[in-house]
N, C-alpha and C. Protein backbone atom coordinates (compact mmCIF):
# COMPACT_ATOMS: atom_id res chain seq x y z
N MET A 1 -57.93 -24.10 0.99
CA MET A 1 -56.79 -24.92 1.43
C MET A 1 -55.62 -24.28 0.48
N SER A 2 -55.95 -24.05 -0.65
CA SER A 2 -54.80 -23.77 -1.50
C SER A 2 -54.17 -22.34 -1.09
N ILE A 3 -54.93 -21.49 -0.39
CA ILE A 3 -54.36 -20.14 0.29
C ILE A 3 -53.26 -20.46 1.11
N LEU A 4 -53.12 -21.75 1.78
CA LEU A 4 -52.18 -21.87 2.79
C LEU A 4 -50.92 -21.96 2.03
N TYR A 5 -50.80 -22.23 0.74
CA TYR A 5 -49.59 -22.51 0.04
C TYR A 5 -48.95 -21.24 -0.11
N LEU A 6 -49.74 -19.94 -0.13
CA LEU A 6 -49.21 -18.75 -0.21
C LEU A 6 -49.01 -18.11 1.19
N LEU A 7 -49.87 -18.54 2.30
CA LEU A 7 -49.66 -17.70 3.39
C LEU A 7 -48.51 -18.17 4.20
N ILE A 8 -48.31 -19.62 4.24
CA ILE A 8 -47.10 -20.24 5.08
C ILE A 8 -45.85 -19.64 4.73
N PRO A 9 -45.52 -19.69 3.38
CA PRO A 9 -44.10 -19.15 2.84
C PRO A 9 -44.08 -17.60 3.20
N LEU A 10 -45.23 -16.85 2.91
CA LEU A 10 -45.32 -15.47 3.25
C LEU A 10 -45.03 -15.14 4.74
N SER A 11 -45.68 -16.03 5.55
CA SER A 11 -45.41 -15.76 7.15
C SER A 11 -44.11 -16.31 7.45
N LEU A 12 -43.63 -17.23 6.86
CA LEU A 12 -41.98 -17.52 7.26
C LEU A 12 -41.09 -16.54 6.61
N THR A 13 -41.33 -15.92 5.72
CA THR A 13 -40.51 -14.85 5.01
C THR A 13 -40.70 -13.72 5.94
N LEU A 14 -41.71 -13.30 6.35
CA LEU A 14 -41.84 -12.14 7.41
C LEU A 14 -41.11 -12.49 8.68
N LEU A 15 -41.16 -13.75 9.03
CA LEU A 15 -40.52 -14.24 10.46
C LEU A 15 -39.10 -14.00 10.27
N GLY A 16 -38.48 -14.48 9.08
CA GLY A 16 -37.12 -14.43 8.70
C GLY A 16 -36.78 -12.99 8.88
N LEU A 17 -37.57 -12.09 8.15
CA LEU A 17 -37.16 -10.80 8.03
C LEU A 17 -37.35 -10.13 9.37
N ALA A 18 -38.12 -10.36 10.46
CA ALA A 18 -38.22 -9.98 11.54
C ALA A 18 -37.00 -10.31 12.67
N VAL A 19 -36.59 -11.44 12.45
CA VAL A 19 -35.40 -11.93 12.98
C VAL A 19 -34.20 -11.44 12.57
N TRP A 20 -33.98 -11.18 11.33
CA TRP A 20 -32.90 -10.47 10.73
C TRP A 20 -32.78 -9.14 11.33
N ALA A 21 -33.97 -8.53 11.35
CA ALA A 21 -33.87 -7.06 11.80
C ALA A 21 -33.43 -6.96 13.17
N PHE A 22 -34.04 -7.94 13.93
CA PHE A 22 -33.60 -8.11 15.47
C PHE A 22 -32.12 -8.07 15.57
N PHE A 23 -31.51 -9.15 14.91
CA PHE A 23 -30.17 -9.43 15.23
C PHE A 23 -29.34 -8.28 14.44
N TRP A 24 -29.63 -7.60 13.78
CA TRP A 24 -29.18 -6.16 13.03
C TRP A 24 -29.10 -5.18 14.15
N ALA A 25 -30.19 -4.97 14.82
CA ALA A 25 -30.15 -3.94 15.72
C ALA A 25 -29.45 -4.37 16.85
N VAL A 26 -29.23 -5.65 17.31
CA VAL A 26 -28.42 -5.82 18.47
C VAL A 26 -27.04 -5.75 17.93
N LYS A 27 -26.70 -6.08 16.66
CA LYS A 27 -25.22 -5.89 16.35
C LYS A 27 -24.89 -4.57 16.32
N HIS A 28 -25.84 -3.72 15.98
CA HIS A 28 -25.37 -2.17 15.67
C HIS A 28 -25.75 -1.56 16.89
N ASP A 29 -25.74 -2.08 18.11
CA ASP A 29 -26.08 -1.61 19.36
C ASP A 29 -27.34 -0.55 19.60
N GLN A 30 -28.34 -0.92 19.06
CA GLN A 30 -29.65 -0.20 19.18
C GLN A 30 -30.28 -0.30 20.63
N PHE A 31 -29.80 -1.32 21.23
CA PHE A 31 -30.45 -1.61 22.51
C PHE A 31 -29.49 -1.41 23.61
N GLU A 32 -28.42 -0.62 23.28
CA GLU A 32 -27.57 -0.65 24.23
C GLU A 32 -27.80 0.48 25.45
N ASP A 33 -28.58 1.61 25.07
CA ASP A 33 -29.03 2.57 26.27
C ASP A 33 -30.44 2.90 26.06
N LEU A 34 -31.09 2.12 26.76
CA LEU A 34 -32.53 2.32 26.51
C LEU A 34 -33.10 3.42 27.55
N GLU A 35 -32.50 3.72 28.65
CA GLU A 35 -32.94 4.60 29.64
C GLU A 35 -32.34 6.10 29.41
N GLY A 36 -31.32 6.18 28.70
CA GLY A 36 -30.61 7.41 28.38
C GLY A 36 -31.65 8.39 27.77
N PRO A 37 -32.11 8.25 26.50
CA PRO A 37 -33.21 9.09 26.11
C PRO A 37 -34.43 9.55 26.96
N ALA A 38 -34.69 8.61 27.82
CA ALA A 38 -35.92 9.02 28.68
C ALA A 38 -35.50 10.03 29.73
N TYR A 39 -34.12 9.89 30.18
CA TYR A 39 -33.69 10.84 31.08
C TYR A 39 -33.36 12.34 30.44
N ARG A 40 -32.58 12.08 29.23
CA ARG A 40 -32.13 13.27 28.49
C ARG A 40 -33.35 14.52 28.29
N ILE A 41 -34.63 14.01 28.25
CA ILE A 41 -35.58 14.87 28.05
C ILE A 41 -35.91 15.73 29.37
N LEU A 42 -35.64 15.16 30.31
CA LEU A 42 -35.96 15.64 31.67
C LEU A 42 -34.85 16.75 31.98
N PHE A 43 -33.53 16.67 31.47
CA PHE A 43 -32.55 17.62 31.79
C PHE A 43 -32.12 18.26 30.38
N ASP A 44 -32.90 19.28 30.16
CA ASP A 44 -32.92 19.98 28.94
C ASP A 44 -32.05 21.29 29.14
N GLU A 45 -30.79 21.29 28.48
CA GLU A 45 -29.79 22.26 28.38
C GLU A 45 -29.80 23.06 27.34
N ASP A 46 -30.94 23.94 27.23
CA ASP A 46 -31.01 24.72 26.09
C ASP A 46 -30.22 26.04 26.36
N ASP A 47 -29.55 26.54 25.40
CA ASP A 47 -28.83 27.82 25.54
C ASP A 47 -29.66 29.04 25.89
N ASN A 48 -30.94 29.07 25.39
CA ASN A 48 -31.78 29.95 25.59
C ASN A 48 -32.33 30.06 26.94
N ASP A 49 -32.22 29.03 27.82
CA ASP A 49 -32.42 29.11 29.37
C ASP A 49 -31.42 29.70 30.24
N ARG A 50 -30.07 29.48 29.42
CA ARG A 50 -28.97 30.24 30.34
C ARG A 50 -28.90 31.77 30.23
N PRO A 51 -28.41 32.32 31.30
CA PRO A 51 -28.08 33.74 31.24
C PRO A 51 -27.14 34.31 30.06
N LYS A 52 -27.36 35.42 29.60
CA LYS A 52 -26.53 35.81 28.34
C LYS A 52 -25.09 35.57 28.48
N GLN A 53 -24.48 36.07 29.66
CA GLN A 53 -23.19 35.90 29.91
C GLN A 53 -22.77 34.62 30.08
N ASP A 54 -23.34 33.42 30.13
CA ASP A 54 -22.89 32.38 30.25
C ASP A 54 -23.01 31.39 28.97
N ARG A 55 -23.65 32.02 27.91
CA ARG A 55 -23.82 31.23 26.73
C ARG A 55 -22.49 31.33 25.90
N LYS A 56 -22.38 30.51 24.87
CA LYS A 56 -21.28 30.38 24.15
C LYS A 56 -21.03 31.65 23.27
N GLU A 57 -19.74 31.99 22.94
CA GLU A 57 -19.33 33.13 22.33
C GLU A 57 -19.96 33.12 20.87
N THR A 58 -20.02 32.08 20.21
CA THR A 58 -20.51 32.10 18.76
C THR A 58 -22.11 32.31 18.71
N GLU A 59 -22.60 32.07 19.86
CA GLU A 59 -24.12 32.63 19.89
C GLU A 59 -24.50 33.88 20.46
N ARG A 60 -23.59 34.69 20.92
CA ARG A 60 -23.73 35.88 21.49
C ARG A 60 -23.87 37.00 20.31
N ASP A 61 -23.51 36.69 19.16
CA ASP A 61 -23.47 37.54 17.93
C ASP A 61 -25.00 37.33 17.31
N ALA A 62 -25.65 36.31 17.59
CA ALA A 62 -27.03 36.13 16.94
C ALA A 62 -27.82 36.79 17.89
N PRO A 63 -28.99 37.32 17.27
CA PRO A 63 -29.99 37.83 18.15
C PRO A 63 -30.64 36.71 18.72
N SER A 64 -31.11 37.05 20.09
CA SER A 64 -32.02 35.92 20.86
C SER A 64 -33.41 35.91 20.36
N ASP A 65 -34.12 35.00 20.97
CA ASP A 65 -35.57 34.94 20.53
C ASP A 65 -36.34 36.14 20.89
N ASP A 66 -36.02 36.77 21.97
CA ASP A 66 -36.91 37.99 22.22
C ASP A 66 -36.31 39.29 21.64
N GLU A 67 -35.24 39.17 21.00
CA GLU A 67 -34.70 40.29 20.28
C GLU A 67 -34.84 40.23 18.91
N GLU A 68 -35.26 41.09 17.95
CA GLU A 68 -35.42 41.03 16.68
C GLU A 68 -34.54 41.89 15.90
N ARG A 69 -33.88 41.40 15.09
CA ARG A 69 -32.80 42.23 14.33
C ARG A 69 -33.61 43.07 13.26
N ARG A 70 -33.49 44.47 13.56
CA ARG A 70 -34.20 45.44 12.84
C ARG A 70 -33.18 46.29 11.82
N ASP A 71 -33.43 46.08 10.66
CA ASP A 71 -32.54 46.92 9.60
C ASP A 71 -32.99 48.32 9.45
């Protein structure tokens, strides 16, 4: 019976922490876009998948994955 004096305040503290975390997440827009990351993985726009002439200028100077720089 005396363990309840420890467990009840501990459970109320954890409940308060969970409620605070939920409201913090809502306030900081963590639940704003739930479907975006799921669709983003389907439309991978990796520069290595594009033809060499369509890649950005800064990445033309760097060797691609299939080319190794030999000194």
